[in-house]
Amino acid sequence: MSNVDPGVRWTGIPVAVISAILVAVALTAFGLELARIHPLLAIGLNIVIVAGAAPTVLRWLVAPVWRWAVYGSSAGALLSFVALAALAF
């Protein structure tokens, strides 16, 4: 049995959804503008941005509410990469 309050889950789901939307929109908008220059530049720089932020974001996994923001931002980054691959090429 986990020692986490079950109410945190219902608090965390909206946090995850909002952070996923914010990250996906920001990375996709940034990537699409870079894709005007060159599509591989957009994908490459987004990978560098996500890889640079990953160590800091992964440290937040130990806090119950911030954990949900990490899950959401990870999902948003993946959605952004899929959208960039579909729209840039």
Protein backbone atom coordinates (compact mmCIF):
# COMPACT_ATOMS: atom_id res chain seq x y z
CA MET A 1 0.00 0.00 0.00
CA SER A 2 1.29 3.43 -0.91
CA ASN A 3 1.55 6.24 1.59
CA VAL A 4 0.40 8.83 -0.96
CA ASP A 5 -2.96 10.47 -0.34
CA PRO A 6 -5.49 9.34 -3.00
CA GLY A 7 -6.64 12.95 -3.33
CA VAL A 8 -3.29 13.86 -4.88
CA ARG A 9 -4.20 11.84 -7.96
CA TRP A 10 -7.26 14.00 -8.64
CA THR A 11 -5.24 17.13 -8.03
CA GLY A 12 -2.44 15.87 -10.24
CA ILE A 13 -4.41 14.96 -13.35
CA PRO A 14 -5.35 18.58 -14.21
CA VAL A 15 -1.76 19.63 -13.47
CA ALA A 16 -0.50 16.97 -15.90
CA VAL A 17 -2.96 17.98 -18.61
CA ILE A 18 -2.18 21.69 -18.31
CA SER A 19 1.58 21.13 -18.32
CA ALA A 20 1.28 18.79 -21.32
CA ILE A 21 -0.66 21.41 -23.27
CA LEU A 22 1.76 24.21 -22.39
CA VAL A 23 4.87 22.21 -23.28
CA ALA A 24 3.39 20.79 -26.49
CA VAL A 25 2.25 24.19 -27.75
CA ALA A 26 5.51 25.93 -26.86
CA LEU A 27 7.81 23.31 -28.37
CA THR A 28 5.65 22.92 -31.49
CA ALA A 29 5.44 26.67 -32.12
CA PHE A 30 9.18 27.05 -31.62
CA GLY A 31 9.89 24.05 -33.83
CA LEU A 32 7.60 25.15 -36.65
CA GLU A 33 9.33 28.51 -36.87
CA LEU A 34 12.69 26.74 -37.00
CA ALA A 35 11.31 24.37 -39.64
CA ARG A 36 10.94 27.35 -41.95
CA ILE A 37 14.73 27.52 -41.97
CA HIS A 38 15.33 23.75 -42.13
CA PRO A 39 13.22 20.83 -40.82
CA LEU A 40 16.19 18.97 -39.33
CA LEU A 41 17.18 22.12 -37.44
CA ALA A 42 13.77 22.13 -35.76
CA ILE A 43 13.98 18.51 -34.67
CA GLY A 44 17.62 18.79 -33.59
CA LEU A 45 17.18 21.92 -31.49
CA ASN A 46 14.06 20.55 -29.81
CA ILE A 47 16.01 17.43 -28.84
CA VAL A 48 18.75 19.64 -27.38
CA ILE A 49 16.19 21.70 -25.44
CA VAL A 50 14.46 18.63 -23.99
CA ALA A 51 17.77 16.94 -23.16
CA GLY A 52 18.96 20.07 -21.41
CA ALA A 53 15.82 20.39 -19.29
CA ALA A 54 15.57 16.67 -18.49
CA PRO A 55 18.00 16.52 -15.52
CA THR A 56 16.22 19.34 -13.70
CA VAL A 57 12.75 18.03 -14.46
CA LEU A 58 13.64 14.49 -13.37
CA ARG A 59 14.67 15.78 -9.94
CA TRP A 60 11.07 16.88 -9.42
CA LEU A 61 9.78 13.29 -9.53
CA VAL A 62 10.13 12.92 -5.75
CA ALA A 63 7.48 15.56 -4.91
CA PRO A 64 3.88 14.25 -5.13
CA VAL A 65 2.33 17.20 -7.00
CA TRP A 66 5.37 18.10 -9.12
CA ARG A 67 5.50 14.47 -10.25
CA TRP A 68 2.34 15.10 -12.25
CA ALA A 69 3.86 18.16 -13.92
CA VAL A 70 6.80 15.98 -14.97
CA TYR A 71 4.44 13.38 -16.44
CA GLY A 72 2.53 16.07 -18.32
CA SER A 73 5.60 17.84 -19.66
CA SER A 74 7.03 14.52 -20.85
CA ALA A 75 3.81 13.73 -22.69
CA GLY A 76 3.75 17.24 -24.15
CA ALA A 77 7.30 16.91 -25.43
CA LEU A 78 6.47 13.60 -27.10
CA LEU A 79 3.33 15.07 -28.67
CA SER A 80 5.39 18.00 -29.92
CA PHE A 81 7.93 15.70 -31.59
CA VAL A 82 5.13 13.80 -33.32
CA ALA A 83 3.49 17.04 -34.47
CA LEU A 84 6.80 18.42 -35.74
CA ALA A 85 7.57 15.24 -37.63
CA ALA A 86 4.14 15.37 -39.25
CA LEU A 87 4.07 19.10 -40.00
CA ALA A 88 7.71 19.89 -40.78
CA PHE A 89 8.29 17.33 -43.51
